Amino acid sequence: MWERQKGKVQRYGLLDSFRGMVLLSMIVYHGSWDLVYLFQKNWQWYHGRGAYIWQQSICWSFIFLSGFCWSLGRKPIKRGLTVVGAGVVVSMITLAFMPQERVLFGVLTLIGSCMLCMILLDKVFGRFSPVIGFMASVMLFILTRNINNGFLGFEQWNILELPEPLYKNMVTTFLGFPEPGFYSTDYFSFFPWIFLFLSGYFIYRMMVKAGGVMDRYFVRKLEPFAFLGRHSLVIYLLHQPILFGILTLMDMGGII
C-alpha cells in the first residue's frame, strides 16, 4: 500500500505483505470449501468452530485492513467503483454459472461501498478524536454483529430482538436486514461491517497522530506475500476459477 507525500509515492510493504498473507489464507480456505461443497469431500472439521474462526479471521482482516488503508490511496471514487464493479462481476458470474452457490452482496461489494461512503464520512470523522472514533466503532460493531440474524448482539450473545418489518427487501438486505428467503454464500452487509472498516480507519489516524510510526515500521516487506498483496484484487477475481480447474483435473486423475 502506498501514500503520496510531496509528489512522491511512499509504499508501505508491510501492509502489502499482511494483505498477501490473508489472501493466501483465503485461497486455502476457498480450496477447502470447493472440496467440501463442490467435490463432496466429507470433512467434518470444516463444519466446526475452528473452520468458522478461520473464515472470520480472513474477512475481518480484509475489512479492517481496507479501512486502515483508505486514507493512503489516491482517486477514492475510482477505487471504490472498481471494487464495487468487481463485486458485481462476481455476482453475475455466480448467478449465471453457479446459481446454487451465488454471491450477492459479497465482501467486494461491501468494501467498495465503504470506500465510496468514506469520501463523505471522512469530512466528518476527520474531526473526531481517533481514539474515541475507534472505541465507538468497535462498540457499534459488537452491538450490531448479529443484525443479519434478527438481533442486536455479538456471536452467541443476543441482546435484543429486532422488529421483523425491518427485513423486507433487497435494500434492507444490503443494509444488513436480509429479506425472507435471501441466500448468498458470501454475504457482508453494510451494517455491521462498516464499523469494522471504520475501526481500521481510526487506527490509521491514531498511528499518524503518533508521528513517524508508519515510516519506521511499515516500509519493510516480506516477499512473496507483498507481491500477492500488491495484486490482491486481480488474484481475488481469478483464484476461484483457477482453483476449480486444478481441483477438477486432480479429481479426474484420482488424486483427490
C-alpha atoms as a PDB file:
ATOM      1  CA  MET A   1       0.000   0.000   0.000  1.00  0.00           C
ATOM      2  CA  TRP A   2       1.226   3.476  -0.796  1.00  0.00           C
ATOM      3  CA  GLU A   3       0.833   7.077   0.267  1.00  0.00           C
ATOM      4  CA  ARG A   4       1.541  10.193  -1.793  1.00  0.00           C
ATOM      5  CA  GLN A   5       3.697  12.688   0.062  1.00  0.00           C
ATOM      6  CA  LYS A   6       5.049  15.866  -1.596  1.00  0.00           C
ATOM      7  CA  GLY A   7       4.865  14.378  -5.081  1.00  0.00           C
ATOM      8  CA  LYS A   8       6.445  11.084  -4.080  1.00  0.00           C
ATOM      9  CA  VAL A   9       4.789   7.739  -3.596  1.00  0.00           C
ATOM     10  CA  GLN A  10       5.653   6.007  -0.327  1.00  0.00           C
ATOM     11  CA  ARG A  11       4.928   2.302  -0.466  1.00  0.00           C
ATOM     12  CA  TYR A  12       4.208   0.508   2.789  1.00  0.00           C
ATOM     13  CA  GLY A  13       5.394  -3.014   2.072  1.00  0.00           C
ATOM     14  CA  LEU A  14       4.257  -4.392   5.424  1.00  0.00           C
ATOM     15  CA  LEU A  15       0.638  -3.657   4.521  1.00  0.00           C
ATOM     16  CA  ASP A  16       1.071  -5.423   1.182  1.00  0.00           C
ATOM     17  CA  SER A  17       2.718  -8.345   2.973  1.00  0.00           C
ATOM     18  CA  PHE A  18      -0.064  -8.681   5.527  1.00  0.00           C
ATOM     19  CA  ARG A  19      -2.713  -8.475   2.802  1.00  0.00           C
ATOM     20  CA  GLY A  20      -0.834 -11.155   0.862  1.00  0.00           C
ATOM     21  CA  MET A  21      -0.775 -13.455   3.898  1.00  0.00           C
ATOM     22  CA  VAL A  22      -4.515 -13.040   4.392  1.00  0.00           C
ATOM     23  CA  LEU A  23      -5.082 -13.592   0.671  1.00  0.00           C
ATOM     24  CA  LEU A  24      -3.126 -16.838   0.775  1.00  0.00           C
ATOM     25  CA  SER A  25      -5.136 -17.988   3.794  1.00  0.00           C
ATOM     26  CA  MET A  26      -8.323 -17.176   1.876  1.00  0.00           C
ATOM     27  CA  ILE A  27      -7.191 -19.189  -1.150  1.00  0.00           C
ATOM     28  CA  VAL A  28      -6.526 -22.232   1.025  1.00  0.00           C
ATOM     29  CA  TYR A  29      -9.867 -21.772   2.786  1.00  0.00           C
ATOM     30  CA  HIS A  30     -11.757 -21.491  -0.514  1.00  0.00           C
ATOM     31  CA  GLY A  31      -9.919 -24.538  -1.829  1.00  0.00           C
ATOM     32  CA  SER A  32     -11.194 -26.446   1.195  1.00  0.00           C
ATOM     33  CA  TRP A  33     -14.694 -25.047   0.580  1.00  0.00           C
ATOM     34  CA  ASP A  34     -14.575 -26.295  -3.020  1.00  0.00           C
ATOM     35  CA  LEU A  35     -13.528 -29.760  -1.899  1.00  0.00           C
ATOM     36  CA  VAL A  36     -16.331 -29.973   0.668  1.00  0.00           C
ATOM     37  CA  TYR A  37     -19.220 -28.420  -1.264  1.00  0.00           C
ATOM     38  CA  LEU A  38     -18.330 -28.967  -4.924  1.00  0.00           C
ATOM     39  CA  PHE A  39     -16.363 -32.213  -4.747  1.00  0.00           C
ATOM     40  CA  GLN A  40     -18.346 -33.708  -1.838  1.00  0.00           C
ATOM     41  CA  LYS A  41     -15.446 -34.435   0.490  1.00  0.00           C
ATOM     42  CA  ASN A  42     -16.683 -35.435   3.926  1.00  0.00           C
ATOM     43  CA  TRP A  43     -14.560 -33.185   6.149  1.00  0.00           C
ATOM     44  CA  GLN A  44     -16.422 -32.776   9.415  1.00  0.00           C
ATOM     45  CA  TRP A  45     -13.821 -30.380  10.796  1.00  0.00           C
ATOM     46  CA  TYR A  46     -14.782 -27.883   8.098  1.00  0.00           C
ATOM     47  CA  HIS A  47     -18.205 -27.509   9.694  1.00  0.00           C
ATOM     48  CA  GLY A  48     -16.759 -26.951  13.171  1.00  0.00           C
ATOM     49  CA  ARG A  49     -15.824 -23.955  15.270  1.00  0.00           C
ATOM     50  CA  GLY A  50     -12.205 -23.937  14.158  1.00  0.00           C
ATOM     51  CA  ALA A  51     -13.056 -23.532  10.480  1.00  0.00           C
ATOM     52  CA  TYR A  52     -15.546 -20.782  11.361  1.00  0.00           C
ATOM     53  CA  ILE A  53     -12.865 -18.863  13.267  1.00  0.00           C
ATOM     54  CA  TRP A  54     -10.515 -19.342  10.299  1.00  0.00           C
ATOM     55  CA  GLN A  55     -13.115 -17.908   7.910  1.00  0.00           C
ATOM     56  CA  GLN A  56     -13.864 -14.981  10.214  1.00  0.00           C
ATOM     57  CA  SER A  57     -10.165 -14.176  10.641  1.00  0.00           C
ATOM     58  CA  ILE A  58      -9.888 -13.771   6.872  1.00  0.00           C
ATOM     59  CA  CYS A  59     -12.878 -11.489   6.349  1.00  0.00           C
ATOM     60  CA  TRP A  60     -12.210  -9.434   9.493  1.00  0.00           C
ATOM     61  CA  SER A  61      -8.611  -8.876   8.378  1.00  0.00           C
ATOM     62  CA  PHE A  62      -9.583  -7.807   4.848  1.00  0.00           C
ATOM     63  CA  ILE A  63     -12.255  -5.374   6.009  1.00  0.00           C
ATOM     64  CA  PHE A  64     -10.148  -3.885   8.818  1.00  0.00           C
ATOM     65  CA  LEU A  65      -7.140  -3.523   6.518  1.00  0.00           C
ATOM     66  CA  SER A  66      -9.269  -1.859   3.846  1.00  0.00           C
ATOM     67  CA  GLY A  67     -10.385   0.730   6.387  1.00  0.00           C
ATOM     68  CA  PHE A  68      -6.818   1.213   7.592  1.00  0.00           C
ATOM     69  CA  CYS A  69      -5.566   1.796   4.043  1.00  0.00           C
ATOM     70  CA  TRP A  70      -8.402   4.042   2.861  1.00  0.00           C
ATOM     71  CA  SER A  71      -6.592   7.267   3.758  1.00  0.00           C
ATOM     72  CA  LEU A  72      -3.433   6.122   1.960  1.00  0.00           C
ATOM     73  CA  GLY A  73      -4.884   5.760  -1.502  1.00  0.00           C
ATOM     74  CA  ARG A  74      -5.474   8.143  -4.382  1.00  0.00           C
ATOM     75  CA  LYS A  75      -8.602   8.575  -6.521  1.00  0.00           C
ATOM     76  CA  PRO A  76     -11.094   7.211  -3.938  1.00  0.00           C
ATOM     77  CA  ILE A  77     -14.063   7.372  -6.323  1.00  0.00           C
ATOM     78  CA  LYS A  78     -12.271   5.312  -8.955  1.00  0.00           C
ATOM     79  CA  ARG A  79     -11.019   2.808  -6.387  1.00  0.00           C
ATOM     80  CA  GLY A  80     -14.426   2.431  -4.788  1.00  0.00           C
ATOM     81  CA  LEU A  81     -16.237   1.994  -8.100  1.00  0.00           C
ATOM     82  CA  THR A  82     -13.627  -0.526  -9.263  1.00  0.00           C
ATOM     83  CA  VAL A  83     -14.105  -2.701  -6.197  1.00  0.00           C
ATOM     84  CA  VAL A  84     -17.914  -2.432  -6.338  1.00  0.00           C
ATOM     85  CA  GLY A  85     -17.746  -3.303 -10.038  1.00  0.00           C
ATOM     86  CA  ALA A  86     -15.630  -6.352  -9.250  1.00  0.00           C
ATOM     87  CA  GLY A  87     -18.260  -7.413  -6.728  1.00  0.00           C
ATOM     88  CA  VAL A  88     -20.978  -7.063  -9.363  1.00  0.00           C
ATOM     89  CA  VAL A  89     -18.932  -9.224 -11.766  1.00  0.00           C
ATOM     90  CA  VAL A  90     -18.617 -11.942  -9.113  1.00  0.00           C
ATOM     91  CA  SER A  91     -22.377 -11.842  -8.501  1.00  0.00           C
ATOM     92  CA  MET A  92     -23.224 -12.037 -12.216  1.00  0.00           C
ATOM     93  CA  ILE A  93     -20.857 -14.943 -12.852  1.00  0.00           C
ATOM     94  CA  THR A  94     -22.104 -16.983  -9.903  1.00  0.00           C
ATOM     95  CA  LEU A  95     -25.742 -16.301 -10.792  1.00  0.00           C
ATOM     96  CA  ALA A  96     -25.119 -17.376 -14.384  1.00  0.00           C
ATOM     97  CA  PHE A  97     -22.965 -20.457 -13.816  1.00  0.00           C
ATOM     98  CA  MET A  98     -23.400 -21.468 -10.167  1.00  0.00           C
ATOM     99  CA  PRO A  99     -26.824 -20.210  -9.012  1.00  0.00           C
ATOM    100  CA  GLN A 100     -26.856 -22.649  -6.094  1.00  0.00           C
ATOM    101  CA  GLU A 101     -23.624 -21.050  -4.842  1.00  0.00           C
ATOM    102  CA  ARG A 102     -24.489 -17.476  -5.775  1.00  0.00           C
ATOM    103  CA  VAL A 103     -22.717 -14.497  -4.230  1.00  0.00           C
ATOM    104  CA  LEU A 104     -24.923 -11.482  -3.522  1.00  0.00           C
ATOM    105  CA  PHE A 105     -23.648  -8.529  -1.509  1.00  0.00           C
ATOM    106  CA  GLY A 106     -20.290 -10.194  -1.065  1.00  0.00           C
ATOM    107  CA  VAL A 107     -17.168  -8.797   0.561  1.00  0.00           C
ATOM    108  CA  LEU A 108     -16.069  -6.849  -2.531  1.00  0.00           C
ATOM    109  CA  THR A 109     -19.427  -5.071  -2.739  1.00  0.00           C
ATOM    110  CA  LEU A 110     -19.137  -4.203   0.935  1.00  0.00           C
ATOM    111  CA  ILE A 111     -15.565  -2.900   0.776  1.00  0.00           C
ATOM    112  CA  GLY A 112     -16.246  -0.851  -2.360  1.00  0.00           C
ATOM    113  CA  SER A 113     -19.380   0.632  -0.780  1.00  0.00           C
ATOM    114  CA  CYS A 114     -17.442   1.543   2.364  1.00  0.00           C
ATOM    115  CA  MET A 115     -14.744   3.190   0.239  1.00  0.00           C
ATOM    116  CA  LEU A 116     -17.306   5.345  -1.545  1.00  0.00           C
ATOM    117  CA  CYS A 117     -19.149   6.285   1.653  1.00  0.00           C
ATOM    118  CA  MET A 118     -15.893   7.335   3.283  1.00  0.00           C
ATOM    119  CA  ILE A 119     -15.480  10.105   0.701  1.00  0.00           C
ATOM    120  CA  LEU A 120     -18.283  11.906   2.574  1.00  0.00           C
ATOM    121  CA  LEU A 121     -17.741  10.441   6.040  1.00  0.00           C
ATOM    122  CA  ASP A 122     -14.067  11.429   6.103  1.00  0.00           C
ATOM    123  CA  LYS A 123     -15.057  15.081   6.174  1.00  0.00           C
ATOM    124  CA  VAL A 124     -16.986  14.415   9.385  1.00  0.00           C
ATOM    125  CA  PHE A 125     -14.895  11.721  11.063  1.00  0.00           C
ATOM    126  CA  GLY A 126     -11.672  13.568  10.278  1.00  0.00           C
ATOM    127  CA  ARG A 127     -12.664  15.963  13.056  1.00  0.00           C
ATOM    128  CA  PHE A 128     -13.148  13.217  15.641  1.00  0.00           C
ATOM    129  CA  SER A 129     -10.582  12.075  18.153  1.00  0.00           C
ATOM    130  CA  PRO A 130      -9.250   8.850  16.580  1.00  0.00           C
ATOM    131  CA  VAL A 131      -9.242   7.115  19.972  1.00  0.00           C
ATOM    132  CA  ILE A 132     -12.909   7.937  20.582  1.00  0.00           C
ATOM    133  CA  GLY A 133     -13.757   7.056  16.976  1.00  0.00           C
ATOM    134  CA  PHE A 134     -12.048   3.686  17.268  1.00  0.00           C
ATOM    135  CA  MET A 135     -13.734   2.845  20.570  1.00  0.00           C
ATOM    136  CA  ALA A 136     -17.156   3.856  19.226  1.00  0.00           C
ATOM    137  CA  SER A 137     -16.629   1.813  16.042  1.00  0.00           C
ATOM    138  CA  VAL A 138     -15.663  -1.303  17.994  1.00  0.00           C
ATOM    139  CA  MET A 139     -18.624  -0.971  20.344  1.00  0.00           C
ATOM    140  CA  LEU A 140     -21.058  -0.451  17.476  1.00  0.00           C
ATOM    141  CA  PHE A 141     -19.644  -3.444  15.618  1.00  0.00           C
ATOM    142  CA  ILE A 142     -20.071  -5.642  18.681  1.00  0.00           C
ATOM    143  CA  LEU A 143     -23.599  -4.314  19.263  1.00  0.00           C
ATOM    144  CA  THR A 144     -24.766  -4.867  15.674  1.00  0.00           C
ATOM    145  CA  ARG A 145     -22.831  -8.042  14.763  1.00  0.00           C
ATOM    146  CA  ASN A 146     -25.960 -10.228  14.834  1.00  0.00           C
ATOM    147  CA  ILE A 147     -28.414  -7.969  12.990  1.00  0.00           C
ATOM    148  CA  ASN A 148     -28.337 -10.311   9.972  1.00  0.00           C
ATOM    149  CA  ASN A 149     -29.985 -12.888  12.236  1.00  0.00           C
ATOM    150  CA  GLY A 150     -32.563 -10.517  13.699  1.00  0.00           C
ATOM    151  CA  PHE A 151     -30.853  -9.423  16.901  1.00  0.00           C
ATOM    152  CA  LEU A 152     -28.605  -6.846  18.435  1.00  0.00           C
ATOM    153  CA  GLY A 153     -25.670  -8.682  19.948  1.00  0.00           C
ATOM    154  CA  PHE A 154     -22.401 -10.449  19.222  1.00  0.00           C
ATOM    155  CA  GLU A 155     -21.956 -14.067  18.102  1.00  0.00           C
ATOM    156  CA  GLN A 156     -23.694 -16.327  20.688  1.00  0.00           C
ATOM    157  CA  TRP A 157     -24.963 -13.397  22.757  1.00  0.00           C
ATOM    158  CA  ASN A 158     -28.248 -11.893  21.546  1.00  0.00           C
ATOM    159  CA  ILE A 159     -29.275  -8.763  23.454  1.00  0.00           C
ATOM    160  CA  LEU A 160     -32.438  -7.560  21.750  1.00  0.00           C
ATOM    161  CA  GLU A 161     -34.668  -8.959  19.005  1.00  0.00           C
ATOM    162  CA  LEU A 162     -35.203  -6.510  16.149  1.00  0.00           C
ATOM    163  CA  PRO A 163     -38.597  -5.750  14.534  1.00  0.00           C
ATOM    164  CA  GLU A 164     -39.493  -8.136  11.723  1.00  0.00           C
ATOM    165  CA  PRO A 165     -40.656  -5.334   9.350  1.00  0.00           C
ATOM    166  CA  LEU A 166     -37.009  -4.237   9.043  1.00  0.00           C
ATOM    167  CA  TYR A 167     -36.333  -7.362   6.991  1.00  0.00           C
ATOM    168  CA  LYS A 168     -38.352  -6.812   3.838  1.00  0.00           C
ATOM    169  CA  ASN A 169     -36.462  -6.225   0.548  1.00  0.00           C
ATOM    170  CA  MET A 170     -33.119  -6.084  -1.224  1.00  0.00           C
ATOM    171  CA  VAL A 171     -32.386  -2.571   0.039  1.00  0.00           C
ATOM    172  CA  THR A 172     -32.741  -3.675   3.645  1.00  0.00           C
ATOM    173  CA  THR A 173     -30.738  -6.789   2.749  1.00  0.00           C
ATOM    174  CA  PHE A 174     -27.842  -4.627   1.553  1.00  0.00           C
ATOM    175  CA  LEU A 175     -28.027  -2.608   4.767  1.00  0.00           C
ATOM    176  CA  GLY A 176     -27.969  -5.704   6.997  1.00  0.00           C
ATOM    177  CA  PHE A 177     -31.591  -6.790   7.370  1.00  0.00           C
ATOM    178  CA  PRO A 178     -31.983  -9.664   4.861  1.00  0.00           C
ATOM    179  CA  GLU A 179     -35.389 -10.252   3.321  1.00  0.00           C
ATOM    180  CA  PRO A 180     -37.085 -13.636   3.881  1.00  0.00           C
ATOM    181  CA  GLY A 181     -35.562 -16.347   1.699  1.00  0.00           C
ATOM    182  CA  PHE A 182     -32.412 -14.404   0.901  1.00  0.00           C
ATOM    183  CA  TYR A 183     -29.379 -16.612   0.274  1.00  0.00           C
ATOM    184  CA  SER A 184     -25.758 -15.865  -0.534  1.00  0.00           C
ATOM    185  CA  THR A 185     -22.625 -17.921   0.045  1.00  0.00           C
ATOM    186  CA  ASP A 186     -20.704 -14.704   0.747  1.00  0.00           C
ATOM    187  CA  TYR A 187     -22.900 -12.117   2.465  1.00  0.00           C
ATOM    188  CA  PHE A 188     -21.382  -8.996   4.004  1.00  0.00           C
ATOM    189  CA  SER A 189     -23.966  -6.295   4.601  1.00  0.00           C
ATOM    190  CA  PHE A 190     -23.171  -2.617   5.087  1.00  0.00           C
ATOM    191  CA  PHE A 191     -24.031  -2.899   8.761  1.00  0.00           C
ATOM    192  CA  PRO A 192     -22.347  -4.145  10.910  1.00  0.00           C
ATOM    193  CA  TRP A 193     -19.203  -4.345   8.743  1.00  0.00           C
ATOM    194  CA  ILE A 194     -18.862  -0.607   8.116  1.00  0.00           C
ATOM    195  CA  PHE A 195     -17.954  -0.327  11.797  1.00  0.00           C
ATOM    196  CA  LEU A 196     -15.066  -2.772  11.410  1.00  0.00           C
ATOM    197  CA  PHE A 197     -13.932  -0.785   8.356  1.00  0.00           C
ATOM    198  CA  LEU A 198     -14.110   2.390  10.445  1.00  0.00           C
ATOM    199  CA  SER A 199     -12.088   0.819  13.250  1.00  0.00           C
ATOM    200  CA  GLY A 200      -9.253   0.336  10.756  1.00  0.00           C
ATOM    201  CA  TYR A 201      -9.685   3.911   9.518  1.00  0.00           C
ATOM    202  CA  PHE A 202      -9.357   5.290  13.046  1.00  0.00           C
ATOM    203  CA  ILE A 203      -6.389   3.059  13.928  1.00  0.00           C
ATOM    204  CA  TYR A 204      -4.530   4.520  10.942  1.00  0.00           C
ATOM    205  CA  ARG A 205      -5.317   8.033  12.148  1.00  0.00           C
ATOM    206  CA  MET A 206      -4.038   7.117  15.621  1.00  0.00           C
ATOM    207  CA  MET A 207      -0.741   5.983  14.104  1.00  0.00           C
ATOM    208  CA  VAL A 208      -0.422   9.154  12.042  1.00  0.00           C
ATOM    209  CA  LYS A 209      -1.077  11.222  15.135  1.00  0.00           C
ATOM    210  CA  ALA A 210       1.645   9.299  16.979  1.00  0.00           C
ATOM    211  CA  GLY A 211       4.121  10.533  14.361  1.00  0.00           C
ATOM    212  CA  GLY A 212       6.619   8.540  12.307  1.00  0.00           C
ATOM    213  CA  VAL A 213       5.186   5.099  13.117  1.00  0.00           C
ATOM    214  CA  MET A 214       4.284   4.264   9.543  1.00  0.00           C
ATOM    215  CA  ASP A 215       7.639   5.273   8.082  1.00  0.00           C
ATOM    216  CA  ARG A 216       9.592   3.451  10.794  1.00  0.00           C
ATOM    217  CA  TYR A 217       7.772   0.124  10.834  1.00  0.00           C
ATOM    218  CA  PHE A 218       5.621  -0.261   7.732  1.00  0.00           C
ATOM    219  CA  VAL A 219       8.078   0.212   4.878  1.00  0.00           C
ATOM    220  CA  ARG A 220       9.611  -3.254   5.133  1.00  0.00           C
ATOM    221  CA  LYS A 221       8.077  -6.029   3.076  1.00  0.00           C
ATOM    222  CA  LEU A 222       8.019  -9.811   3.036  1.00  0.00           C
ATOM    223  CA  GLU A 223       8.136 -11.363  -0.394  1.00  0.00           C
ATOM    224  CA  PRO A 224       6.341 -13.184  -1.952  1.00  0.00           C
ATOM    225  CA  PHE A 225       3.473 -12.088   0.324  1.00  0.00           C
ATOM    226  CA  ALA A 226       3.965  -8.455  -0.674  1.00  0.00           C
ATOM    227  CA  PHE A 227       3.609  -9.419  -4.354  1.00  0.00           C
ATOM    228  CA  LEU A 228       0.292 -11.131  -3.613  1.00  0.00           C
ATOM    229  CA  GLY A 229      -0.861  -8.097  -1.661  1.00  0.00           C
ATOM    230  CA  ARG A 230       0.003  -5.679  -4.456  1.00  0.00           C
ATOM    231  CA  HIS A 231      -2.181  -7.652  -6.875  1.00  0.00           C
ATOM    232  CA  SER A 232      -4.881  -8.709  -4.426  1.00  0.00           C
ATOM    233  CA  LEU A 233      -7.958  -7.671  -6.451  1.00  0.00           C
ATOM    234  CA  VAL A 234      -6.888  -9.492  -9.624  1.00  0.00           C
ATOM    235  CA  ILE A 235      -5.895 -12.584  -7.637  1.00  0.00           C
ATOM    236  CA  TYR A 236      -9.200 -12.485  -5.753  1.00  0.00           C
ATOM    237  CA  LEU A 237     -11.165 -12.446  -9.003  1.00  0.00           C
ATOM    238  CA  LEU A 238      -9.144 -15.241 -10.618  1.00  0.00           C
ATOM    239  CA  HIS A 239      -8.402 -17.584  -7.736  1.00  0.00           C
ATOM    240  CA  GLN A 240     -11.690 -19.497  -7.673  1.00  0.00           C
ATOM    241  CA  PRO A 241     -11.815 -20.364 -11.415  1.00  0.00           C
ATOM    242  CA  ILE A 242      -8.176 -21.443 -11.242  1.00  0.00           C
ATOM    243  CA  LEU A 243      -8.767 -23.458  -8.073  1.00  0.00           C
ATOM    244  CA  PHE A 244     -11.810 -25.140  -9.575  1.00  0.00           C
ATOM    245  CA  GLY A 245      -9.893 -26.053 -12.730  1.00  0.00           C
ATOM    246  CA  ILE A 246      -6.961 -27.501 -10.788  1.00  0.00           C
ATOM    247  CA  LEU A 247      -9.200 -29.465  -8.428  1.00  0.00           C
ATOM    248  CA  THR A 248     -11.269 -30.780 -11.365  1.00  0.00           C
ATOM    249  CA  LEU A 249      -8.131 -32.097 -13.055  1.00  0.00           C
ATOM    250  CA  MET A 250      -6.975 -33.653  -9.779  1.00  0.00           C
ATOM    251  CA  ASP A 251     -10.371 -35.247  -9.279  1.00  0.00           C
ATOM    252  CA  MET A 252     -10.367 -36.665 -12.821  1.00  0.00           C
ATOM    253  CA  GLY A 253      -6.895 -38.061 -12.171  1.00  0.00           C
ATOM    254  CA  GLY A 254      -7.980 -39.697  -8.939  1.00  0.00           C
ATOM    255  CA  ILE A 255      -5.637 -37.563  -6.847  1.00  0.00           C
ATOM    256  CA  ILE A 256      -8.394 -36.230  -4.597  1.00  0.00           C
END
